[in-house]
C-alpha atoms as a PDB file:
ATOM      1  CA  MET A   1      -0.916 -22.363 -17.984  1.00  0.00           C
ATOM      2  CA  ALA A   2       0.494 -24.333 -20.893  1.00  0.00           C
ATOM      3  CA  SER A   3       3.690 -25.645 -18.847  1.00  0.00           C
ATOM      4  CA  THR A   4       1.569 -28.229 -17.337  1.00  0.00           C
ATOM      5  CA  SER A   5       0.084 -29.654 -19.900  1.00  0.00           C
ATOM      6  CA  LEU A   6       3.204 -30.237 -21.890  1.00  0.00           C
ATOM      7  CA  LYS A   7       3.955 -32.684 -19.534  1.00  0.00           C
ATOM      8  CA  VAL A   8       1.857 -35.364 -20.363  1.00  0.00           C
ATOM      9  CA  LYS A   9       1.563 -34.983 -24.366  1.00  0.00           C
ATOM     10  CA  GLU A  10       3.418 -36.670 -27.067  1.00  0.00           C
ATOM     11  CA  PRO A  11       6.049 -34.597 -28.953  1.00  0.00           C
ATOM     12  CA  ILE A  12       3.865 -34.413 -31.907  1.00  0.00           C
ATOM     13  CA  ALA A  13       1.110 -32.958 -29.716  1.00  0.00           C
ATOM     14  CA  GLN A  14       3.785 -30.654 -27.977  1.00  0.00           C
ATOM     15  CA  LEU A  15       4.901 -29.283 -31.022  1.00  0.00           C
ATOM     16  CA  GLN A  16       1.520 -28.535 -32.272  1.00  0.00           C
ATOM     17  CA  GLU A  17       0.651 -26.949 -29.098  1.00  0.00           C
ATOM     18  CA  ILE A  18       3.639 -24.693 -29.707  1.00  0.00           C
ATOM     19  CA  ALA A  19       3.052 -23.599 -33.175  1.00  0.00           C
ATOM     20  CA  SER A  20      -0.414 -22.480 -32.010  1.00  0.00           C
ATOM     21  CA  TRP A  21       1.432 -19.927 -29.616  1.00  0.00           C
ATOM     22  CA  VAL A  22       3.336 -18.263 -32.343  1.00  0.00           C
ATOM     23  CA  SER A  23       0.207 -17.110 -33.536  1.00  0.00           C
ATOM     24  CA  SER A  24      -1.361 -16.225 -30.619  1.00  0.00           C
ATOM     25  CA  VAL A  25       1.103 -14.788 -28.221  1.00  0.00           C
ATOM     26  CA  GLN A  26       1.557 -10.885 -28.565  1.00  0.00           C
ATOM     27  CA  ASP A  27       4.797 -11.082 -25.986  1.00  0.00           C
ATOM     28  CA  LEU A  28       7.688 -12.228 -28.316  1.00  0.00           C
ATOM     29  CA  ASP A  29       9.632 -12.583 -25.193  1.00  0.00           C
ATOM     30  CA  ARG A  30       7.437 -14.660 -23.342  1.00  0.00           C
ATOM     31  CA  LEU A  31       6.800 -16.412 -26.570  1.00  0.00           C
ATOM     32  CA  LEU A  32      10.668 -17.322 -27.044  1.00  0.00           C
ATOM     33  CA  GLU A  33      10.602 -18.265 -23.236  1.00  0.00           C
ATOM     34  CA  LEU A  34       7.820 -20.591 -23.605  1.00  0.00           C
ATOM     35  CA  ILE A  35       9.179 -22.463 -26.681  1.00  0.00           C
ATOM     36  CA  LEU A  36      12.880 -22.661 -24.768  1.00  0.00           C
ATOM     37  CA  GLN A  37      11.296 -24.062 -21.736  1.00  0.00           C
ATOM     38  CA  SER A  38       9.589 -26.688 -23.844  1.00  0.00           C
ATOM     39  CA  ALA A  39      12.532 -27.700 -25.798  1.00  0.00           C
ATOM     40  CA  SER A  40      14.456 -28.240 -22.596  1.00  0.00           C
ATOM     41  CA  ARG A  41      11.582 -30.132 -21.040  1.00  0.00           C
ATOM     42  CA  MET A  42      10.850 -32.316 -24.362  1.00  0.00           C
ATOM     43  CA  MET A  43      14.739 -33.089 -24.466  1.00  0.00           C
ATOM     44  CA  HIS A  44      15.562 -33.383 -20.740  1.00  0.00           C
ATOM     45  CA  ALA A  45      18.188 -30.465 -21.287  1.00  0.00           C
ATOM     46  CA  LYS A  46      20.102 -29.640 -18.410  1.00  0.00           C
ATOM     47  CA  ALA A  47      20.621 -26.093 -19.878  1.00  0.00           C
ATOM     48  CA  SER A  48      19.226 -24.366 -22.954  1.00  0.00           C
ATOM     49  CA  SER A  49      19.644 -20.742 -24.652  1.00  0.00           C
ATOM     50  CA  LEU A  50      18.211 -19.050 -27.288  1.00  0.00           C
ATOM     51  CA  LEU A  51      20.963 -16.210 -28.661  1.00  0.00           C
ATOM     52  CA  LEU A  52      20.122 -13.618 -31.218  1.00  0.00           C
ATOM     53  CA  LEU A  53      22.465 -11.976 -33.620  1.00  0.00           C
ATOM     54  CA  ASP A  54      22.517  -8.146 -33.603  1.00  0.00           C
ATOM     55  CA  GLN A  55      22.934  -7.381 -37.283  1.00  0.00           C
ATOM     56  CA  GLN A  56      24.621  -3.888 -36.593  1.00  0.00           C
ATOM     57  CA  THR A  57      27.400  -5.091 -33.745  1.00  0.00           C
ATOM     58  CA  ARG A  58      27.583  -8.494 -35.213  1.00  0.00           C
ATOM     59  CA  LYS A  59      27.181 -10.081 -31.937  1.00  0.00           C
ATOM     60  CA  LEU A  60      24.848 -13.007 -30.290  1.00  0.00           C
ATOM     61  CA  TYR A  61      23.573 -11.734 -27.048  1.00  0.00           C
ATOM     62  CA  PHE A  62      21.408 -14.371 -25.018  1.00  0.00           C
ATOM     63  CA  LYS A  63      17.815 -13.711 -25.321  1.00  0.00           C
ATOM     64  CA  ALA A  64      16.174 -16.370 -23.423  1.00  0.00           C
ATOM     65  CA  ALA A  65      17.849 -19.060 -21.202  1.00  0.00           C
ATOM     66  CA  THR A  66      16.891 -21.761 -19.193  1.00  0.00           C
ATOM     67  CA  GLY A  67      18.856 -23.883 -16.351  1.00  0.00           C
ATOM     68  CA  GLU A  68      20.179 -22.765 -13.103  1.00  0.00           C
ATOM     69  CA  LYS A  69      22.096 -19.953 -14.330  1.00  0.00           C
ATOM     70  CA  LYS A  70      19.569 -18.632 -16.883  1.00  0.00           C
ATOM     71  CA  ASP A  71      19.882 -15.166 -15.501  1.00  0.00           C
ATOM     72  CA  GLU A  72      23.682 -14.744 -15.164  1.00  0.00           C
ATOM     73  CA  VAL A  73      24.109 -16.339 -18.586  1.00  0.00           C
ATOM     74  CA  LYS A  74      22.042 -13.089 -20.338  1.00  0.00           C
ATOM     75  CA  ALA A  75      25.083 -10.793 -19.407  1.00  0.00           C
ATOM     76  CA  PHE A  76      27.368 -12.644 -21.974  1.00  0.00           C
ATOM     77  CA  GLN A  77      27.663 -12.339 -25.699  1.00  0.00           C
ATOM     78  CA  LEU A  78      29.661 -13.776 -28.545  1.00  0.00           C
ATOM     79  CA  ASN A  79      31.139 -12.677 -31.537  1.00  0.00           C
ATOM     80  CA  ILE A  80      30.283 -14.363 -34.784  1.00  0.00           C
ATOM     81  CA  GLY A  81      32.288 -17.428 -35.135  1.00  0.00           C
ATOM     82  CA  GLN A  82      33.275 -17.197 -31.570  1.00  0.00           C
ATOM     83  CA  GLY A  83      32.466 -20.535 -29.650  1.00  0.00           C
ATOM     84  CA  ILE A  84      29.929 -23.512 -30.821  1.00  0.00           C
ATOM     85  CA  ALA A  85      27.195 -20.930 -30.926  1.00  0.00           C
ATOM     86  CA  GLY A  86      28.942 -18.313 -33.005  1.00  0.00           C
ATOM     87  CA  TYR A  87      30.365 -21.079 -35.276  1.00  0.00           C
ATOM     88  CA  VAL A  88      26.769 -22.259 -36.034  1.00  0.00           C
ATOM     89  CA  ALA A  89      25.814 -18.583 -36.662  1.00  0.00           C
ATOM     90  CA  ALA A  90      28.407 -18.055 -38.733  1.00  0.00           C
ATOM     91  CA  ASN A  91      28.019 -21.177 -41.232  1.00  0.00           C
ATOM     92  CA  GLY A  92      24.376 -21.711 -40.636  1.00  0.00           C
ATOM     93  CA  LYS A  93      24.871 -25.400 -40.138  1.00  0.00           C
ATOM     94  CA  PRO A  94      23.435 -27.602 -37.074  1.00  0.00           C
ATOM     95  CA  LEU A  95      26.380 -28.790 -34.759  1.00  0.00           C
ATOM     96  CA  LEU A  96      26.101 -31.371 -32.118  1.00  0.00           C
ATOM     97  CA  ILE A  97      29.325 -31.799 -29.959  1.00  0.00           C
ATOM     98  CA  SER A  98      29.277 -34.951 -27.810  1.00  0.00           C
ATOM     99  CA  ASP A  99      32.287 -33.798 -25.939  1.00  0.00           C
ATOM    100  CA  VAL A 100      33.130 -30.380 -25.882  1.00  0.00           C
ATOM    101  CA  SER A 101      36.448 -30.651 -24.012  1.00  0.00           C
ATOM    102  CA  LYS A 102      37.868 -32.183 -27.252  1.00  0.00           C
ATOM    103  CA  ASP A 103      36.450 -29.444 -29.682  1.00  0.00           C
ATOM    104  CA  PRO A 104      38.679 -26.487 -30.425  1.00  0.00           C
ATOM    105  CA  ARG A 105      35.739 -24.309 -31.389  1.00  0.00           C
ATOM    106  CA  TRP A 106      34.776 -24.864 -27.672  1.00  0.00           C
ATOM    107  CA  TYR A 107      34.176 -21.165 -25.746  1.00  0.00           C
ATOM    108  CA  LYS A 108      34.760 -22.551 -22.155  1.00  0.00           C
ATOM    109  CA  GLN A 109      35.184 -19.110 -20.659  1.00  0.00           C
ATOM    110  CA  ILE A 110      31.144 -18.842 -19.923  1.00  0.00           C
ATOM    111  CA  SER A 111      30.887 -22.379 -18.340  1.00  0.00           C
ATOM    112  CA  GLU A 112      33.970 -21.476 -16.257  1.00  0.00           C
ATOM    113  CA  SER A 113      32.592 -17.854 -15.309  1.00  0.00           C
ATOM    114  CA  LEU A 114      29.329 -19.252 -14.384  1.00  0.00           C
ATOM    115  CA  GLY A 115      30.731 -22.282 -12.364  1.00  0.00           C
ATOM    116  CA  VAL A 116      28.935 -24.633 -14.736  1.00  0.00           C
ATOM    117  CA  GLU A 117      30.501 -27.822 -16.041  1.00  0.00           C
ATOM    118  CA  THR A 118      29.583 -28.793 -19.662  1.00  0.00           C
ATOM    119  CA  ARG A 119      29.712 -31.940 -21.435  1.00  0.00           C
ATOM    120  CA  SER A 120      27.657 -31.910 -24.723  1.00  0.00           C
ATOM    121  CA  ILE A 121      26.323 -29.337 -26.822  1.00  0.00           C
ATOM    122  CA  ALA A 122      23.456 -29.419 -29.911  1.00  0.00           C
ATOM    123  CA  CYS A 123      23.161 -26.047 -31.448  1.00  0.00           C
ATOM    124  CA  VAL A 124      20.959 -25.234 -34.738  1.00  0.00           C
ATOM    125  CA  PRO A 125      20.703 -21.752 -36.450  1.00  0.00           C
ATOM    126  CA  MET A 126      17.680 -19.715 -36.350  1.00  0.00           C
ATOM    127  CA  LYS A 127      16.704 -18.150 -39.744  1.00  0.00           C
ATOM    128  CA  VAL A 128      14.216 -15.598 -41.201  1.00  0.00           C
ATOM    129  CA  ASP A 129      14.023 -15.374 -45.098  1.00  0.00           C
ATOM    130  CA  GLY A 130      17.219 -17.257 -45.519  1.00  0.00           C
ATOM    131  CA  ASP A 131      19.170 -15.292 -43.484  1.00  0.00           C
ATOM    132  CA  ILE A 132      20.751 -16.116 -40.101  1.00  0.00           C
ATOM    133  CA  ILE A 133      18.970 -14.324 -36.996  1.00  0.00           C
ATOM    134  CA  GLY A 134      20.367 -16.418 -34.152  1.00  0.00           C
ATOM    135  CA  VAL A 135      20.910 -20.238 -32.728  1.00  0.00           C
ATOM    136  CA  VAL A 136      19.326 -22.253 -30.250  1.00  0.00           C
ATOM    137  CA  GLN A 137      21.286 -24.602 -28.221  1.00  0.00           C
ATOM    138  CA  ILE A 138      20.848 -27.340 -25.603  1.00  0.00           C
ATOM    139  CA  ILE A 139      23.477 -28.046 -23.240  1.00  0.00           C
ATOM    140  CA  ASP A 140      23.987 -31.671 -21.428  1.00  0.00           C
ATOM    141  CA  LYS A 141      21.138 -34.074 -20.302  1.00  0.00           C
ATOM    142  CA  THR A 142      19.361 -33.760 -17.204  1.00  0.00           C
ATOM    143  CA  ASP A 143      20.409 -37.740 -16.712  1.00  0.00           C
ATOM    144  CA  GLY A 144      23.826 -37.366 -17.539  1.00  0.00           C
ATOM    145  CA  SER A 145      23.833 -38.668 -21.104  1.00  0.00           C
ATOM    146  CA  VAL A 146      25.341 -37.607 -24.073  1.00  0.00           C
ATOM    147  CA  ILE A 147      22.980 -35.242 -26.539  1.00  0.00           C
ATOM    148  CA  GLN A 148      21.763 -37.465 -29.573  1.00  0.00           C
ATOM    149  CA  LYS A 149      21.213 -36.807 -32.770  1.00  0.00           C
ATOM    150  CA  ALA A 150      17.784 -37.427 -32.653  1.00  0.00           C
ATOM    151  CA  ASP A 151      17.685 -34.594 -30.160  1.00  0.00           C
ATOM    152  CA  MET A 152      18.935 -32.308 -33.298  1.00  0.00           C
ATOM    153  CA  LYS A 153      15.607 -33.176 -35.192  1.00  0.00           C
ATOM    154  CA  ILE A 154      13.768 -31.829 -32.324  1.00  0.00           C
ATOM    155  CA  LEU A 155      16.123 -28.971 -31.710  1.00  0.00           C
ATOM    156  CA  LYS A 156      15.728 -27.946 -35.461  1.00  0.00           C
ATOM    157  CA  GLU A 157      11.711 -27.891 -34.672  1.00  0.00           C
ATOM    158  CA  PHE A 158      12.067 -25.725 -32.138  1.00  0.00           C
ATOM    159  CA  ALA A 159      14.302 -23.303 -33.732  1.00  0.00           C
ATOM    160  CA  ASP A 160      12.161 -23.257 -36.762  1.00  0.00           C
ATOM    161  CA  LEU A 161       9.296 -22.130 -34.341  1.00  0.00           C
ATOM    162  CA  ALA A 162      11.253 -19.691 -32.675  1.00  0.00           C
ATOM    163  CA  SER A 163      12.362 -18.249 -35.958  1.00  0.00           C
ATOM    164  CA  LEU A 164       8.764 -17.994 -37.202  1.00  0.00           C
ATOM    165  CA  ALA A 165       7.498 -16.220 -34.146  1.00  0.00           C
ATOM    166  CA  ILE A 166      10.506 -14.091 -34.316  1.00  0.00           C
ATOM    167  CA  GLY A 167       9.828 -13.337 -38.233  1.00  0.00           C
ATOM    168  CA  ASN A 168       5.914 -12.905 -37.220  1.00  0.00           C
ATOM    169  CA  ALA A 169       6.631 -10.165 -34.300  1.00  0.00           C
ATOM    170  CA  LYS A 170       9.127  -8.373 -37.141  1.00  0.00           C
ATOM    171  CA  LYS A 171       6.155  -8.029 -39.538  1.00  0.00           C
ATOM    172  CA  ILE A 172       3.734  -6.987 -36.895  1.00  0.00           C
ATOM    173  CA  GLU A 173       6.029  -4.377 -36.011  1.00  0.00           C
ATOM    174  CA  GLN A 174       6.614  -3.201 -39.305  1.00  0.00           C
ATOM    175  CA  VAL A 175       3.003  -2.782 -39.863  1.00  0.00           C
ATOM    176  CA  LYS A 176       2.387  -0.903 -36.703  1.00  0.00           C
ATOM    177  CA  ASN A 177       5.331   1.507 -37.786  1.00  0.00           C
ATOM    178  CA  GLU A 178       3.712   2.064 -41.438  1.00  0.00           C
ATOM    179  CA  ASN A 179       0.454   2.679 -39.821  1.00  0.00           C
ATOM    180  CA  VAL A 180       1.983   5.271 -37.318  1.00  0.00           C
ATOM    181  CA  ASP A 181       3.842   7.287 -40.068  1.00  0.00           C
END
C-alpha cells in the first residue's frame, strides 16, 4: 500500500505520511515494520533494526528488522550496555560509528554469526515519557558510503515516531485492560 508511494515523496512528506500511520494503524508490529522499512529506504541503509528493552530482564530484543538477514537477527538479544545498541540504551544518547572495527563497544558476534560484514552504524534511543524503551539503528549504506551526521537527524525522527507509536499502543492496551476489569 504505502510503500510504493514513499519512493517518490520528499523526506518531509514521507515523515508526515508515517506520522499519520501512528494514529491510524492498530497493529503495532506492522506499524513498527512500516516505520523501519521507511527509515531504511529513506536513508539508503543496507539493514536496520528496532530493538526493544524488556524492563524485567534488562535485555534488548530485535522487534523489527530489514535487510537480507532480517529474520535471523531476531534470534539475538543484547544486555544493556552490550554492543553499540546496548550502549545507546544504557546512556540514552545517539551514537554514530563510521568504522565499527575501531570501536571497542562493537559487539561483532552478531555480524559474524550471520555472515554479514558491518562497517558503520547509526543508533538512536527511543523514549516514552523520558524512559528508554529501546533503540533504532541503521547499518551501512547500500552504496558503500559511510553513514553521515545528517542521517542521524532523520533516524532520530523515525525513532521518535516509533516511540510515539509504542506509547500510544501501551495507552490503548491500558484503557482496554481498565475496561475489562
